[in-house]
């Protein structure tokens, strides 16, 4: 498993700049999630309009909304997205690092790091990078 495919950043400083705010993270997630186009999970329609939440999309046929984080690794993530991205970047940089080491670097509880790391591995095993980003999977 090549986890660097998720972010593709080698410079930690560049990574921190690009994912410093909730909005930047949401924009990146939406771009990755729908890079092959939007497909409604309810009816399969491909036309959409802007949803009520930032970077969400609303099907023009059935009117169902889908947030950028829905069905992705970040679905129901209670951490601020920049903090979650920081943890995932640490995991991708050093997959063998313990959750305690990651927790020390990111100032997050070890159990939180373990949970996110475990969720990432489960999503990856479910369907690779596409499952992590929730790309048109039912």
C-alpha atoms as a PDB file:
ATOM      1  CA  UNK A   1       0.000   0.000   0.000  1.00  0.00           C
ATOM      2  CA  UNK A   2       1.496   3.313  -1.050  1.00  0.00           C
ATOM      3  CA  UNK A   3      -0.092   5.812   1.305  1.00  0.00           C
ATOM      4  CA  UNK A   4       1.828   8.733  -0.200  1.00  0.00           C
ATOM      5  CA  UNK A   5      -0.623   8.452  -3.118  1.00  0.00           C
ATOM      6  CA  UNK A   6      -3.175  10.023  -0.793  1.00  0.00           C
ATOM      7  CA  UNK A   7      -1.400  13.340  -0.384  1.00  0.00           C
ATOM      8  CA  UNK A   8       1.767  13.179  -2.490  1.00  0.00           C
ATOM      9  CA  UNK A   9       3.582  15.785  -0.392  1.00  0.00           C
ATOM     10  CA  UNK A  10       7.210  15.449   0.595  1.00  0.00           C
ATOM     11  CA  UNK A  11       7.599  18.848   2.266  1.00  0.00           C
ATOM     12  CA  UNK A  12       5.847  19.161   5.616  1.00  0.00           C
ATOM     13  CA  UNK A  13       5.909  22.963   5.372  1.00  0.00           C
ATOM     14  CA  UNK A  14       4.140  22.915   1.983  1.00  0.00           C
ATOM     15  CA  UNK A  15       1.620  20.432   3.370  1.00  0.00           C
ATOM     16  CA  UNK A  16       0.861  22.658   6.368  1.00  0.00           C
ATOM     17  CA  UNK A  17       0.366  25.680   4.098  1.00  0.00           C
ATOM     18  CA  UNK A  18      -1.977  23.850   1.721  1.00  0.00           C
ATOM     19  CA  UNK A  19      -4.111  22.324   4.505  1.00  0.00           C
ATOM     20  CA  UNK A  20      -4.064  25.102   7.092  1.00  0.00           C
ATOM     21  CA  UNK A  21      -7.809  25.833   7.180  1.00  0.00           C
ATOM     22  CA  UNK A  22     -11.075  23.908   7.233  1.00  0.00           C
ATOM     23  CA  UNK A  23     -12.040  25.465   3.889  1.00  0.00           C
ATOM     24  CA  UNK A  24      -8.806  24.422   2.148  1.00  0.00           C
ATOM     25  CA  UNK A  25      -9.264  20.871   3.434  1.00  0.00           C
ATOM     26  CA  UNK A  26     -12.908  20.723   2.312  1.00  0.00           C
ATOM     27  CA  UNK A  27     -11.994  22.065  -1.120  1.00  0.00           C
ATOM     28  CA  UNK A  28      -9.280  19.411  -1.488  1.00  0.00           C
ATOM     29  CA  UNK A  29     -11.637  16.620  -0.369  1.00  0.00           C
ATOM     30  CA  UNK A  30     -14.347  17.782  -2.804  1.00  0.00           C
ATOM     31  CA  UNK A  31     -11.844  17.995  -5.670  1.00  0.00           C
ATOM     32  CA  UNK A  32     -10.591  14.461  -4.981  1.00  0.00           C
ATOM     33  CA  UNK A  33     -14.034  12.997  -4.346  1.00  0.00           C
ATOM     34  CA  UNK A  34     -15.615  14.330  -7.517  1.00  0.00           C
ATOM     35  CA  UNK A  35     -12.578  14.496  -9.821  1.00  0.00           C
ATOM     36  CA  UNK A  36     -14.307  12.019 -12.162  1.00  0.00           C
ATOM     37  CA  UNK A  37     -17.609  13.886 -11.946  1.00  0.00           C
ATOM     38  CA  UNK A  38     -20.588  13.869  -9.613  1.00  0.00           C
ATOM     39  CA  UNK A  39     -22.929  10.871  -9.565  1.00  0.00           C
ATOM     40  CA  UNK A  40     -25.895  10.975  -7.179  1.00  0.00           C
ATOM     41  CA  UNK A  41     -25.818   8.000  -4.811  1.00  0.00           C
ATOM     42  CA  UNK A  42     -29.628   7.935  -4.660  1.00  0.00           C
ATOM     43  CA  UNK A  43     -30.668   8.101  -8.307  1.00  0.00           C
ATOM     44  CA  UNK A  44     -27.457   7.996 -10.380  1.00  0.00           C
ATOM     45  CA  UNK A  45     -28.097  11.413 -11.959  1.00  0.00           C
ATOM     46  CA  UNK A  46     -24.981  13.403 -12.900  1.00  0.00           C
ATOM     47  CA  UNK A  47     -26.291  16.976 -12.847  1.00  0.00           C
ATOM     48  CA  UNK A  48     -25.944  18.956  -9.656  1.00  0.00           C
ATOM     49  CA  UNK A  49     -26.086  22.402  -8.161  1.00  0.00           C
ATOM     50  CA  UNK A  50     -24.391  23.920  -5.156  1.00  0.00           C
ATOM     51  CA  UNK A  51     -25.541  22.417  -1.844  1.00  0.00           C
ATOM     52  CA  UNK A  52     -26.351  24.247   1.376  1.00  0.00           C
ATOM     53  CA  UNK A  53     -23.031  23.394   3.065  1.00  0.00           C
ATOM     54  CA  UNK A  54     -19.632  24.530   1.806  1.00  0.00           C
ATOM     55  CA  UNK A  55     -18.403  22.331  -1.067  1.00  0.00           C
ATOM     56  CA  UNK A  56     -21.507  20.121  -0.973  1.00  0.00           C
ATOM     57  CA  UNK A  57     -23.490  19.163  -4.054  1.00  0.00           C
ATOM     58  CA  UNK A  58     -27.215  18.724  -4.582  1.00  0.00           C
ATOM     59  CA  UNK A  59     -28.698  16.453  -7.222  1.00  0.00           C
ATOM     60  CA  UNK A  60     -30.960  18.400  -9.581  1.00  0.00           C
ATOM     61  CA  UNK A  61     -33.214  15.373 -10.127  1.00  0.00           C
ATOM     62  CA  UNK A  62     -33.935  13.916  -6.651  1.00  0.00           C
ATOM     63  CA  UNK A  63     -32.772  16.971  -4.634  1.00  0.00           C
ATOM     64  CA  UNK A  64     -30.558  14.898  -2.294  1.00  0.00           C
ATOM     65  CA  UNK A  65     -27.545  16.751  -0.926  1.00  0.00           C
ATOM     66  CA  UNK A  66     -24.138  15.218  -0.350  1.00  0.00           C
ATOM     67  CA  UNK A  67     -21.421  16.908   1.650  1.00  0.00           C
ATOM     68  CA  UNK A  68     -17.797  16.775   0.569  1.00  0.00           C
ATOM     69  CA  UNK A  69     -16.942  14.511   3.508  1.00  0.00           C
ATOM     70  CA  UNK A  70     -19.868  12.066   3.139  1.00  0.00           C
ATOM     71  CA  UNK A  71     -18.742   8.463   2.536  1.00  0.00           C
ATOM     72  CA  UNK A  72     -15.078   9.447   2.712  1.00  0.00           C
ATOM     73  CA  UNK A  73     -12.449   8.837   5.349  1.00  0.00           C
ATOM     74  CA  UNK A  74     -13.530  12.145   6.891  1.00  0.00           C
ATOM     75  CA  UNK A  75     -17.211  11.188   7.233  1.00  0.00           C
ATOM     76  CA  UNK A  76     -18.361  12.092  10.766  1.00  0.00           C
ATOM     77  CA  UNK A  77     -14.849  13.153  11.704  1.00  0.00           C
ATOM     78  CA  UNK A  78     -15.139  15.278  14.834  1.00  0.00           C
ATOM     79  CA  UNK A  79     -11.612  16.637  14.656  1.00  0.00           C
ATOM     80  CA  UNK A  80     -11.001  19.884  12.809  1.00  0.00           C
ATOM     81  CA  UNK A  81     -10.010  18.826   9.297  1.00  0.00           C
ATOM     82  CA  UNK A  82      -6.548  20.465   9.396  1.00  0.00           C
ATOM     83  CA  UNK A  83      -5.771  18.403  12.497  1.00  0.00           C
ATOM     84  CA  UNK A  84      -7.100  15.191  10.897  1.00  0.00           C
ATOM     85  CA  UNK A  85      -5.042  15.912   7.769  1.00  0.00           C
ATOM     86  CA  UNK A  86      -1.957  16.416   9.921  1.00  0.00           C
ATOM     87  CA  UNK A  87      -2.456  13.006  11.555  1.00  0.00           C
ATOM     88  CA  UNK A  88      -2.958  11.320   8.187  1.00  0.00           C
ATOM     89  CA  UNK A  89       0.106  13.035   6.782  1.00  0.00           C
ATOM     90  CA  UNK A  90       2.153  11.649   9.686  1.00  0.00           C
ATOM     91  CA  UNK A  91       0.750   8.167   8.996  1.00  0.00           C
ATOM     92  CA  UNK A  92       1.570   8.463   5.287  1.00  0.00           C
ATOM     93  CA  UNK A  93       5.089   9.751   5.926  1.00  0.00           C
ATOM     94  CA  UNK A  94       5.909   6.942   8.329  1.00  0.00           C
ATOM     95  CA  UNK A  95       3.448   4.028   8.122  1.00  0.00           C
ATOM     96  CA  UNK A  96       5.397   2.087  10.756  1.00  0.00           C
ATOM     97  CA  UNK A  97       5.103   4.851  13.363  1.00  0.00           C
ATOM     98  CA  UNK A  98       3.142   3.962  16.465  1.00  0.00           C
ATOM     99  CA  UNK A  99       0.004   5.868  17.315  1.00  0.00           C
ATOM    100  CA  UNK A 100       1.795   7.161  20.418  1.00  0.00           C
ATOM    101  CA  UNK A 101       4.533   8.721  18.239  1.00  0.00           C
ATOM    102  CA  UNK A 102       1.927  10.277  15.953  1.00  0.00           C
ATOM    103  CA  UNK A 103      -0.030  11.553  18.960  1.00  0.00           C
ATOM    104  CA  UNK A 104       3.091  13.201  20.376  1.00  0.00           C
ATOM    105  CA  UNK A 105       3.791  14.967  17.064  1.00  0.00           C
ATOM    106  CA  UNK A 106       0.217  16.153  16.515  1.00  0.00           C
ATOM    107  CA  UNK A 107      -0.910  16.907  20.096  1.00  0.00           C
ATOM    108  CA  UNK A 108      -3.890  14.568  19.812  1.00  0.00           C
ATOM    109  CA  UNK A 109      -4.807  11.636  22.053  1.00  0.00           C
ATOM    110  CA  UNK A 110      -3.257   8.324  21.013  1.00  0.00           C
ATOM    111  CA  UNK A 111      -6.688   6.679  20.831  1.00  0.00           C
ATOM    112  CA  UNK A 112      -7.855   9.350  18.377  1.00  0.00           C
ATOM    113  CA  UNK A 113      -4.797   8.709  16.201  1.00  0.00           C
ATOM    114  CA  UNK A 114      -5.372   4.963  16.393  1.00  0.00           C
ATOM    115  CA  UNK A 115      -9.019   5.379  15.416  1.00  0.00           C
ATOM    116  CA  UNK A 116      -8.194   7.524  12.374  1.00  0.00           C
ATOM    117  CA  UNK A 117      -5.334   5.220  11.331  1.00  0.00           C
ATOM    118  CA  UNK A 118      -7.597   2.188  11.682  1.00  0.00           C
ATOM    119  CA  UNK A 119     -10.387   3.868   9.692  1.00  0.00           C
ATOM    120  CA  UNK A 120      -7.918   4.760   6.944  1.00  0.00           C
ATOM    121  CA  UNK A 121      -6.679   1.161   6.689  1.00  0.00           C
ATOM    122  CA  UNK A 122     -10.257  -0.182   6.685  1.00  0.00           C
ATOM    123  CA  UNK A 123     -11.283   2.210   3.904  1.00  0.00           C
ATOM    124  CA  UNK A 124      -8.150   1.359   1.910  1.00  0.00           C
ATOM    125  CA  UNK A 125      -8.808  -2.382   2.278  1.00  0.00           C
ATOM    126  CA  UNK A 126     -12.434  -1.786   1.249  1.00  0.00           C
ATOM    127  CA  UNK A 127     -11.547  -0.249  -2.103  1.00  0.00           C
ATOM    128  CA  UNK A 128      -8.165   1.466  -2.172  1.00  0.00           C
ATOM    129  CA  UNK A 129      -7.746   5.184  -2.708  1.00  0.00           C
ATOM    130  CA  UNK A 130     -11.230   5.407  -4.247  1.00  0.00           C
ATOM    131  CA  UNK A 131     -12.828   4.205  -0.988  1.00  0.00           C
ATOM    132  CA  UNK A 132     -10.801   6.689   1.058  1.00  0.00           C
ATOM    133  CA  UNK A 133     -12.195   9.532  -1.049  1.00  0.00           C
ATOM    134  CA  UNK A 134     -15.685   8.029  -1.420  1.00  0.00           C
ATOM    135  CA  UNK A 135     -15.506   8.169  -5.196  1.00  0.00           C
ATOM    136  CA  UNK A 136     -18.806   6.999  -6.645  1.00  0.00           C
ATOM    137  CA  UNK A 137     -18.985   3.884  -4.482  1.00  0.00           C
ATOM    138  CA  UNK A 138     -22.372   2.496  -3.477  1.00  0.00           C
END
